mmCIF file of all heavy atoms, coordinates in Angstrom:
data_MODEL
# 
_entry.id   MODEL 
# 
loop_
_atom_site.group_PDB 
_atom_site.id 
_atom_site.type_symbol 
_atom_site.label_atom_id 
_atom_site.label_alt_id 
_atom_site.label_comp_id 
_atom_site.label_asym_id 
_atom_site.label_entity_id 
_atom_site.label_seq_id 
_atom_site.pdbx_PDB_ins_code 
_atom_site.Cartn_x 
_atom_site.Cartn_y 
_atom_site.Cartn_z 
_atom_site.occupancy 
_atom_site.B_iso_or_equiv 
_atom_site.pdbx_formal_charge 
_atom_site.auth_seq_id 
_atom_site.auth_comp_id 
_atom_site.auth_asym_id 
_atom_site.auth_atom_id 
_atom_site.pdbx_PDB_model_num 
ATOM 1   N N   . ALA A 1 1  ? 0.817  -1.190  0.009   1.00 0.00 ? 1  ALA A N   1 
ATOM 2   C CA  . ALA A 1 1  ? -0.046 0.019   0.023   1.00 0.00 ? 1  ALA A CA  1 
ATOM 3   C C   . ALA A 1 1  ? 0.877  1.289   0.000   1.00 0.00 ? 1  ALA A C   1 
ATOM 4   O O   . ALA A 1 1  ? 0.556  2.255   -0.718  1.00 0.00 ? 1  ALA A O   1 
ATOM 5   C CB  . ALA A 1 1  ? -0.927 0.014   1.249   1.00 0.00 ? 1  ALA A CB  1 
ATOM 6   N N   . ALA A 1 2  ? 1.930  1.251   0.755   1.00 0.00 ? 2  ALA A N   1 
ATOM 7   C CA  . ALA A 1 2  ? 2.839  2.429   0.814   1.00 0.00 ? 2  ALA A CA  1 
ATOM 8   C C   . ALA A 1 2  ? 3.445  2.662   -0.532  1.00 0.00 ? 2  ALA A C   1 
ATOM 9   O O   . ALA A 1 2  ? 3.539  3.818   -1.026  1.00 0.00 ? 2  ALA A O   1 
ATOM 10  C CB  . ALA A 1 2  ? 3.904  2.217   1.890   1.00 0.00 ? 2  ALA A CB  1 
ATOM 11  N N   . ASN A 1 3  ? 3.872  1.627   -1.217  1.00 0.00 ? 3  ASN A N   1 
ATOM 12  C CA  . ASN A 1 3  ? 4.431  1.762   -2.532  1.00 0.00 ? 3  ASN A CA  1 
ATOM 13  C C   . ASN A 1 3  ? 3.368  2.306   -3.503  1.00 0.00 ? 3  ASN A C   1 
ATOM 14  O O   . ASN A 1 3  ? 3.627  3.179   -4.325  1.00 0.00 ? 3  ASN A O   1 
ATOM 15  C CB  . ASN A 1 3  ? 4.951  0.427   -3.051  1.00 0.00 ? 3  ASN A CB  1 
ATOM 16  C CG  . ASN A 1 3  ? 6.217  -0.018  -2.334  1.00 0.00 ? 3  ASN A CG  1 
ATOM 17  O OD1 . ASN A 1 3  ? 6.773  0.678   -1.524  1.00 0.00 ? 3  ASN A OD1 1 
ATOM 18  N ND2 . ASN A 1 3  ? 6.668  -1.216  -2.651  1.00 0.00 ? 3  ASN A ND2 1 
ATOM 19  N N   . GLY A 1 4  ? 2.140  1.788   -3.392  1.00 0.00 ? 4  GLY A N   1 
ATOM 20  C CA  . GLY A 1 4  ? 1.094  2.269   -4.278  1.00 0.00 ? 4  GLY A CA  1 
ATOM 21  C C   . GLY A 1 4  ? 0.756  3.756   -4.036  1.00 0.00 ? 4  GLY A C   1 
ATOM 22  O O   . GLY A 1 4  ? 0.500  4.518   -5.006  1.00 0.00 ? 4  GLY A O   1 
ATOM 23  N N   . ARG A 1 5  ? 0.714  4.171   -2.784  1.00 0.00 ? 5  ARG A N   1 
ATOM 24  C CA  . ARG A 1 5  ? 0.467  5.591   -2.498  1.00 0.00 ? 5  ARG A CA  1 
ATOM 25  C C   . ARG A 1 5  ? 1.578  6.476   -2.962  1.00 0.00 ? 5  ARG A C   1 
ATOM 26  O O   . ARG A 1 5  ? 1.335  7.564   -3.523  1.00 0.00 ? 5  ARG A O   1 
ATOM 27  C CB  . ARG A 1 5  ? 0.328  5.761   -0.960  1.00 0.00 ? 5  ARG A CB  1 
ATOM 28  C CG  . ARG A 1 5  ? -1.072 5.385   -0.419  1.00 0.00 ? 5  ARG A CG  1 
ATOM 29  C CD  . ARG A 1 5  ? -1.271 5.786   1.006   1.00 0.00 ? 5  ARG A CD  1 
ATOM 30  N NE  . ARG A 1 5  ? -0.195 5.387   1.907   1.00 0.00 ? 5  ARG A NE  1 
ATOM 31  C CZ  . ARG A 1 5  ? -0.150 4.185   2.526   1.00 0.00 ? 5  ARG A CZ  1 
ATOM 32  N NH1 . ARG A 1 5  ? -1.083 3.256   2.299   1.00 0.00 ? 5  ARG A NH1 1 
ATOM 33  N NH2 . ARG A 1 5  ? 0.843  3.844   3.326   1.00 0.00 ? 5  ARG A NH2 1 
ATOM 34  N N   . THR A 1 6  ? 2.823  6.050   -2.887  1.00 0.00 ? 6  THR A N   1 
ATOM 35  C CA  . THR A 1 6  ? 3.969  6.816   -3.342  1.00 0.00 ? 6  THR A CA  1 
ATOM 36  C C   . THR A 1 6  ? 3.807  6.989   -4.874  1.00 0.00 ? 6  THR A C   1 
ATOM 37  O O   . THR A 1 6  ? 3.993  8.118   -5.358  1.00 0.00 ? 6  THR A O   1 
ATOM 38  C CB  . THR A 1 6  ? 5.277  6.083   -3.048  1.00 0.00 ? 6  THR A CB  1 
ATOM 39  O OG1 . THR A 1 6  ? 5.429  6.028   -1.610  1.00 0.00 ? 6  THR A OG1 1 
ATOM 40  C CG2 . THR A 1 6  ? 6.448  6.785   -3.682  1.00 0.00 ? 6  THR A CG2 1 
ATOM 41  N N   . ASN A 1 7  ? 3.523  5.935   -5.606  1.00 0.00 ? 7  ASN A N   1 
ATOM 42  C CA  . ASN A 1 7  ? 3.413  6.136   -7.059  1.00 0.00 ? 7  ASN A CA  1 
ATOM 43  C C   . ASN A 1 7  ? 2.196  6.926   -7.438  1.00 0.00 ? 7  ASN A C   1 
ATOM 44  O O   . ASN A 1 7  ? 2.249  7.696   -8.384  1.00 0.00 ? 7  ASN A O   1 
ATOM 45  C CB  . ASN A 1 7  ? 3.481  4.767   -7.712  1.00 0.00 ? 7  ASN A CB  1 
ATOM 46  C CG  . ASN A 1 7  ? 4.882  4.335   -8.058  1.00 0.00 ? 7  ASN A CG  1 
ATOM 47  O OD1 . ASN A 1 7  ? 5.797  5.224   -8.088  1.00 0.00 ? 7  ASN A OD1 1 
ATOM 48  N ND2 . ASN A 1 7  ? 5.084  3.069   -8.258  1.00 0.00 ? 7  ASN A ND2 1 
ATOM 49  N N   . GLN A 1 8  ? 1.050  6.821   -6.707  1.00 0.00 ? 8  GLN A N   1 
ATOM 50  C CA  . GLN A 1 8  ? -0.062 7.628   -6.948  1.00 0.00 ? 8  GLN A CA  1 
ATOM 51  C C   . GLN A 1 8  ? 0.247  9.106   -6.737  1.00 0.00 ? 8  GLN A C   1 
ATOM 52  O O   . GLN A 1 8  ? -0.117 9.922   -7.563  1.00 0.00 ? 8  GLN A O   1 
ATOM 53  C CB  . GLN A 1 8  ? -1.235 7.222   -6.071  1.00 0.00 ? 8  GLN A CB  1 
ATOM 54  C CG  . GLN A 1 8  ? -2.562 7.969   -6.371  1.00 0.00 ? 8  GLN A CG  1 
ATOM 55  C CD  . GLN A 1 8  ? -3.077 7.728   -7.763  1.00 0.00 ? 8  GLN A CD  1 
ATOM 56  O OE1 . GLN A 1 8  ? -2.990 6.658   -8.290  1.00 0.00 ? 8  GLN A OE1 1 
ATOM 57  N NE2 . GLN A 1 8  ? -3.577 8.788   -8.381  1.00 0.00 ? 8  GLN A NE2 1 
ATOM 58  N N   . ASP A 1 9  ? 0.951  9.410   -5.722  1.00 0.00 ? 9  ASP A N   1 
ATOM 59  C CA  . ASP A 1 9  ? 1.406  10.786  -5.425  1.00 0.00 ? 9  ASP A CA  1 
ATOM 60  C C   . ASP A 1 9  ? 2.259  11.305  -6.543  1.00 0.00 ? 9  ASP A C   1 
ATOM 61  O O   . ASP A 1 9  ? 2.137  12.472  -7.037  1.00 0.00 ? 9  ASP A O   1 
ATOM 62  C CB  . ASP A 1 9  ? 2.106  10.900  -4.113  1.00 0.00 ? 9  ASP A CB  1 
ATOM 63  C CG  . ASP A 1 9  ? 1.266  10.707  -2.936  1.00 0.00 ? 9  ASP A CG  1 
ATOM 64  O OD1 . ASP A 1 9  ? -0.069 10.747  -3.054  1.00 0.00 ? 9  ASP A OD1 1 
ATOM 65  O OD2 . ASP A 1 9  ? 1.769  10.491  -1.800  1.00 0.00 ? 9  ASP A OD2 1 
ATOM 66  N N   . ARG A 1 10 ? 3.144  10.451  -7.079  1.00 0.00 ? 10 ARG A N   1 
ATOM 67  C CA  . ARG A 1 10 ? 4.053  10.854  -8.146  1.00 0.00 ? 10 ARG A CA  1 
ATOM 68  C C   . ARG A 1 10 ? 3.281  11.115  -9.419  1.00 0.00 ? 10 ARG A C   1 
ATOM 69  O O   . ARG A 1 10 ? 3.578  12.065  -10.158 1.00 0.00 ? 10 ARG A O   1 
ATOM 70  C CB  . ARG A 1 10 ? 5.170  9.850   -8.331  1.00 0.00 ? 10 ARG A CB  1 
ATOM 71  C CG  . ARG A 1 10 ? 6.138  9.813   -7.088  1.00 0.00 ? 10 ARG A CG  1 
ATOM 72  C CD  . ARG A 1 10 ? 7.293  8.817   -7.318  1.00 0.00 ? 10 ARG A CD  1 
ATOM 73  N NE  . ARG A 1 10 ? 8.173  9.278   -8.355  1.00 0.00 ? 10 ARG A NE  1 
ATOM 74  C CZ  . ARG A 1 10 ? 9.103  10.169  -8.268  1.00 0.00 ? 10 ARG A CZ  1 
ATOM 75  N NH1 . ARG A 1 10 ? 9.345  10.787  -7.132  1.00 0.00 ? 10 ARG A NH1 1 
ATOM 76  N NH2 . ARG A 1 10 ? 9.925  10.459  -9.336  1.00 0.00 ? 10 ARG A NH2 1 
ATOM 77  N N   . ILE A 1 11 ? 2.310  10.269  -9.733  1.00 0.00 ? 11 ILE A N   1 
ATOM 78  C CA  . ILE A 1 11 ? 1.522  10.451  -10.898 1.00 0.00 ? 11 ILE A CA  1 
ATOM 79  C C   . ILE A 1 11 ? 0.710  11.818  -10.792 1.00 0.00 ? 11 ILE A C   1 
ATOM 80  O O   . ILE A 1 11 ? 0.699  12.581  -11.783 1.00 0.00 ? 11 ILE A O   1 
ATOM 81  C CB  . ILE A 1 11 ? 0.489  9.278   -11.055 1.00 0.00 ? 11 ILE A CB  1 
ATOM 82  C CG1 . ILE A 1 11 ? 1.235  8.015   -11.434 1.00 0.00 ? 11 ILE A CG1 1 
ATOM 83  C CG2 . ILE A 1 11 ? -0.588 9.564   -12.089 1.00 0.00 ? 11 ILE A CG2 1 
ATOM 84  C CD1 . ILE A 1 11 ? 0.435  6.733   -11.386 1.00 0.00 ? 11 ILE A CD1 1 
ATOM 85  N N   . GLU A 1 12 ? 0.139  12.056  -9.641  1.00 0.00 ? 12 GLU A N   1 
ATOM 86  C CA  . GLU A 1 12 ? -0.635 13.316  -9.439  1.00 0.00 ? 12 GLU A CA  1 
ATOM 87  C C   . GLU A 1 12 ? 0.285  14.519  -9.529  1.00 0.00 ? 12 GLU A C   1 
ATOM 88  O O   . GLU A 1 12 ? -0.165 15.617  -9.953  1.00 0.00 ? 12 GLU A O   1 
ATOM 89  C CB  . GLU A 1 12 ? -1.351 13.277  -8.093  1.00 0.00 ? 12 GLU A CB  1 
ATOM 90  C CG  . GLU A 1 12 ? -2.498 12.276  -8.119  1.00 0.00 ? 12 GLU A CG  1 
ATOM 91  C CD  . GLU A 1 12 ? -3.114 12.057  -6.739  1.00 0.00 ? 12 GLU A CD  1 
ATOM 92  O OE1 . GLU A 1 12 ? -2.690 12.712  -5.751  1.00 0.00 ? 12 GLU A OE1 1 
ATOM 93  O OE2 . GLU A 1 12 ? -4.018 11.210  -6.657  1.00 0.00 ? 12 GLU A OE2 1 
ATOM 94  N N   . ALA A 1 13 ? 1.574  14.380  -9.170  1.00 0.00 ? 13 ALA A N   1 
ATOM 95  C CA  . ALA A 1 13 ? 2.506  15.489  -9.307  1.00 0.00 ? 13 ALA A CA  1 
ATOM 96  C C   . ALA A 1 13 ? 3.152  15.574  -10.705 1.00 0.00 ? 13 ALA A C   1 
ATOM 97  O O   . ALA A 1 13 ? 3.973  16.460  -10.953 1.00 0.00 ? 13 ALA A O   1 
ATOM 98  C CB  . ALA A 1 13 ? 3.617  15.306  -8.218  1.00 0.00 ? 13 ALA A CB  1 
ATOM 99  N N   . GLY A 1 14 ? 2.747  14.691  -11.633 1.00 0.00 ? 14 GLY A N   1 
ATOM 100 C CA  . GLY A 1 14 ? 3.285  14.709  -12.954 1.00 0.00 ? 14 GLY A CA  1 
ATOM 101 C C   . GLY A 1 14 ? 4.699  14.169  -13.079 1.00 0.00 ? 14 GLY A C   1 
ATOM 102 O O   . GLY A 1 14 ? 5.410  14.433  -14.032 1.00 0.00 ? 14 GLY A O   1 
ATOM 103 N N   . GLU A 1 15 ? 5.074  13.338  -12.117 1.00 0.00 ? 15 GLU A N   1 
ATOM 104 C CA  . GLU A 1 15 ? 6.430  12.754  -12.057 1.00 0.00 ? 15 GLU A CA  1 
ATOM 105 C C   . GLU A 1 15 ? 6.343  11.276  -12.499 1.00 0.00 ? 15 GLU A C   1 
ATOM 106 O O   . GLU A 1 15 ? 5.316  10.682  -12.453 1.00 0.00 ? 15 GLU A O   1 
ATOM 107 C CB  . GLU A 1 15 ? 6.960  12.789  -10.645 1.00 0.00 ? 15 GLU A CB  1 
ATOM 108 C CG  . GLU A 1 15 ? 7.089  14.242  -10.151 1.00 0.00 ? 15 GLU A CG  1 
ATOM 109 C CD  . GLU A 1 15 ? 7.493  14.326  -8.685  1.00 0.00 ? 15 GLU A CD  1 
ATOM 110 O OE1 . GLU A 1 15 ? 7.361  13.339  -8.009  1.00 0.00 ? 15 GLU A OE1 1 
ATOM 111 O OE2 . GLU A 1 15 ? 7.804  15.408  -8.242  1.00 0.00 ? 15 GLU A OE2 1 
ATOM 112 N N   . ASP A 1 16 ? 7.571  10.755  -12.920 1.00 0.00 ? 16 ASP A N   1 
ATOM 113 C CA  . ASP A 1 16 ? 7.613  9.341   -13.251 1.00 0.00 ? 16 ASP A CA  1 
ATOM 114 C C   . ASP A 1 16 ? 7.446  8.495   -11.969 1.00 0.00 ? 16 ASP A C   1 
ATOM 115 O O   . ASP A 1 16 ? 7.800  8.886   -10.847 1.00 0.00 ? 16 ASP A O   1 
ATOM 116 C CB  . ASP A 1 16 ? 8.988  8.996   -13.804 1.00 0.00 ? 16 ASP A CB  1 
ATOM 117 C CG  . ASP A 1 16 ? 9.188  9.598   -15.237 1.00 0.00 ? 16 ASP A CG  1 
ATOM 118 O OD1 . ASP A 1 16 ? 8.195  9.887   -15.866 1.00 0.00 ? 16 ASP A OD1 1 
ATOM 119 O OD2 . ASP A 1 16 ? 10.293 9.814   -15.588 1.00 0.00 ? 16 ASP A OD2 1 
ATOM 120 N N   . THR A 1 17 ? 6.866  7.337   -12.186 1.00 0.00 ? 17 THR A N   1 
ATOM 121 C CA  . THR A 1 17 ? 6.667  6.419   -11.020 1.00 0.00 ? 17 THR A CA  1 
ATOM 122 C C   . THR A 1 17 ? 7.974  5.666   -10.711 1.00 0.00 ? 17 THR A C   1 
ATOM 123 O O   . THR A 1 17 ? 8.876  5.575   -11.561 1.00 0.00 ? 17 THR A O   1 
ATOM 124 C CB  . THR A 1 17 ? 5.547  5.370   -11.332 1.00 0.00 ? 17 THR A CB  1 
ATOM 125 O OG1 . THR A 1 17 ? 5.917  4.675   -12.532 1.00 0.00 ? 17 THR A OG1 1 
ATOM 126 C CG2 . THR A 1 17 ? 4.208  6.066   -11.513 1.00 0.00 ? 17 THR A CG2 1 
ATOM 127 N N   . PHE A 1 18 ? 8.060  5.175   -9.535  1.00 0.00 ? 18 PHE A N   1 
ATOM 128 C CA  . PHE A 1 18 ? 9.268  4.355   -9.116  1.00 0.00 ? 18 PHE A CA  1 
ATOM 129 C C   . PHE A 1 18 ? 9.082  2.937   -9.598  1.00 0.00 ? 18 PHE A C   1 
ATOM 130 O O   . PHE A 1 18 ? 7.974  2.420   -9.678  1.00 0.00 ? 18 PHE A O   1 
ATOM 131 C CB  . PHE A 1 18 ? 9.364  4.291   -7.580  1.00 0.00 ? 18 PHE A CB  1 
ATOM 132 C CG  . PHE A 1 18 ? 9.879  5.590   -6.967  1.00 0.00 ? 18 PHE A CG  1 
ATOM 133 C CD1 . PHE A 1 18 ? 9.138  6.262   -6.003  1.00 0.00 ? 18 PHE A CD1 1 
ATOM 134 C CD2 . PHE A 1 18 ? 11.129 6.091   -7.322  1.00 0.00 ? 18 PHE A CD2 1 
ATOM 135 C CE1 . PHE A 1 18 ? 9.590  7.379   -5.413  1.00 0.00 ? 18 PHE A CE1 1 
ATOM 136 C CE2 . PHE A 1 18 ? 11.558 7.241   -6.777  1.00 0.00 ? 18 PHE A CE2 1 
ATOM 137 C CZ  . PHE A 1 18 ? 10.786 7.938   -5.790  1.00 0.00 ? 18 PHE A CZ  1 
ATOM 138 N N   . ASP A 1 19 ? 10.124 2.347   -9.999  1.00 0.00 ? 19 ASP A N   1 
ATOM 139 C CA  . ASP A 1 19 ? 10.233 0.904   -10.328 1.00 0.00 ? 19 ASP A CA  1 
ATOM 140 C C   . ASP A 1 19 ? 10.608 0.211   -9.076  1.00 0.00 ? 19 ASP A C   1 
ATOM 141 O O   . ASP A 1 19 ? 11.835 -0.058  -8.835  1.00 0.00 ? 19 ASP A O   1 
ATOM 142 C CB  . ASP A 1 19 ? 11.257 0.760   -11.444 1.00 0.00 ? 19 ASP A CB  1 
ATOM 143 C CG  . ASP A 1 19 ? 11.368 -0.641  -11.965 1.00 0.00 ? 19 ASP A CG  1 
ATOM 144 O OD1 . ASP A 1 19 ? 10.473 -1.537  -11.616 1.00 0.00 ? 19 ASP A OD1 1 
ATOM 145 O OD2 . ASP A 1 19 ? 12.378 -0.989  -12.734 1.00 0.00 ? 19 ASP A OD2 1 
ATOM 146 N N   . PHE A 1 20 ? 9.679  -0.115  -8.172  1.00 0.00 ? 20 PHE A N   1 
ATOM 147 C CA  . PHE A 1 20 ? 9.973  -0.715  -6.902  1.00 0.00 ? 20 PHE A CA  1 
ATOM 148 C C   . PHE A 1 20 ? 10.456 -2.160  -7.049  1.00 0.00 ? 20 PHE A C   1 
ATOM 149 O O   . PHE A 1 20 ? 10.130 -2.850  -8.045  1.00 0.00 ? 20 PHE A O   1 
ATOM 150 C CB  . PHE A 1 20 ? 8.708  -0.811  -6.033  1.00 0.00 ? 20 PHE A CB  1 
ATOM 151 C CG  . PHE A 1 20 ? 8.292  0.534   -5.515  1.00 0.00 ? 20 PHE A CG  1 
ATOM 152 C CD1 . PHE A 1 20 ? 7.168  1.221   -5.984  1.00 0.00 ? 20 PHE A CD1 1 
ATOM 153 C CD2 . PHE A 1 20 ? 9.000  1.207   -4.513  1.00 0.00 ? 20 PHE A CD2 1 
ATOM 154 C CE1 . PHE A 1 20 ? 6.746  2.457   -5.480  1.00 0.00 ? 20 PHE A CE1 1 
ATOM 155 C CE2 . PHE A 1 20 ? 8.678  2.383   -3.958  1.00 0.00 ? 20 PHE A CE2 1 
ATOM 156 C CZ  . PHE A 1 20 ? 7.549  3.047   -4.502  1.00 0.00 ? 20 PHE A CZ  1 
ATOM 157 N N   . GLU A 1 21 ? 11.181 -2.608  -5.999  1.00 0.00 ? 21 GLU A N   1 
ATOM 158 C CA  . GLU A 1 21 ? 11.467 -4.042  -5.967  1.00 0.00 ? 21 GLU A CA  1 
ATOM 159 C C   . GLU A 1 21 ? 10.189 -4.773  -5.603  1.00 0.00 ? 21 GLU A C   1 
ATOM 160 O O   . GLU A 1 21 ? 9.352  -4.231  -4.856  1.00 0.00 ? 21 GLU A O   1 
ATOM 161 C CB  . GLU A 1 21 ? 12.508 -4.274  -4.764  1.00 0.00 ? 21 GLU A CB  1 
ATOM 162 C CG  . GLU A 1 21 ? 13.887 -3.780  -5.182  1.00 0.00 ? 21 GLU A CG  1 
ATOM 163 C CD  . GLU A 1 21 ? 14.924 -4.178  -4.092  1.00 0.00 ? 21 GLU A CD  1 
ATOM 164 O OE1 . GLU A 1 21 ? 14.562 -4.542  -2.968  1.00 0.00 ? 21 GLU A OE1 1 
ATOM 165 O OE2 . GLU A 1 21 ? 16.130 -4.104  -4.414  1.00 0.00 ? 21 GLU A OE2 1 
ATOM 166 N N   . PRO A 1 22 ? 10.078 -6.006  -5.991  1.00 0.00 ? 22 PRO A N   1 
ATOM 167 C CA  . PRO A 1 22 ? 8.952  -6.805  -5.525  1.00 0.00 ? 22 PRO A CA  1 
ATOM 168 C C   . PRO A 1 22 ? 8.949  -6.908  -4.021  1.00 0.00 ? 22 PRO A C   1 
ATOM 169 O O   . PRO A 1 22 ? 9.961  -7.093  -3.386  1.00 0.00 ? 22 PRO A O   1 
ATOM 170 C CB  . PRO A 1 22 ? 9.140  -8.211  -6.207  1.00 0.00 ? 22 PRO A CB  1 
ATOM 171 C CG  . PRO A 1 22 ? 10.072 -7.894  -7.320  1.00 0.00 ? 22 PRO A CG  1 
ATOM 172 C CD  . PRO A 1 22 ? 10.949 -6.794  -6.894  1.00 0.00 ? 22 PRO A CD  1 
ATOM 173 N N   . VAL A 1 23 ? 7.770  -6.860  -3.415  1.00 0.00 ? 23 VAL A N   1 
ATOM 174 C CA  . VAL A 1 23 ? 7.641  -6.960  -2.034  1.00 0.00 ? 23 VAL A CA  1 
ATOM 175 C C   . VAL A 1 23 ? 7.393  -8.461  -1.602  1.00 0.00 ? 23 VAL A C   1 
ATOM 176 O O   . VAL A 1 23 ? 7.857  -8.880  -0.538  1.00 0.00 ? 23 VAL A O   1 
ATOM 177 C CB  . VAL A 1 23 ? 6.455  -6.114  -1.473  1.00 0.00 ? 23 VAL A CB  1 
ATOM 178 C CG1 . VAL A 1 23 ? 6.157  -6.326  -0.018  1.00 0.00 ? 23 VAL A CG1 1 
ATOM 179 C CG2 . VAL A 1 23 ? 6.744  -4.639  -1.791  1.00 0.00 ? 23 VAL A CG2 1 
ATOM 180 N N   . VAL A 1 24 ? 6.726  -9.199  -2.459  1.00 0.00 ? 24 VAL A N   1 
ATOM 181 C CA  . VAL A 1 24 ? 6.336  -10.537 -2.170  1.00 0.00 ? 24 VAL A CA  1 
ATOM 182 C C   . VAL A 1 24 ? 6.329  -11.435 -3.385  1.00 0.00 ? 24 VAL A C   1 
ATOM 183 O O   . VAL A 1 24 ? 6.046  -10.940 -4.521  1.00 0.00 ? 24 VAL A O   1 
ATOM 184 C CB  . VAL A 1 24 ? 4.935  -10.595 -1.454  1.00 0.00 ? 24 VAL A CB  1 
ATOM 185 C CG1 . VAL A 1 24 ? 3.851  -10.046 -2.368  1.00 0.00 ? 24 VAL A CG1 1 
ATOM 186 C CG2 . VAL A 1 24 ? 4.588  -11.921 -0.896  1.00 0.00 ? 24 VAL A CG2 1 
# 
């Protein structure tokens, strides 16, 4: 969820999303 919120915030700010490591 934290990773999802981070990328949602980045999308809303017009920034590229992070390419996160798999969590599970």
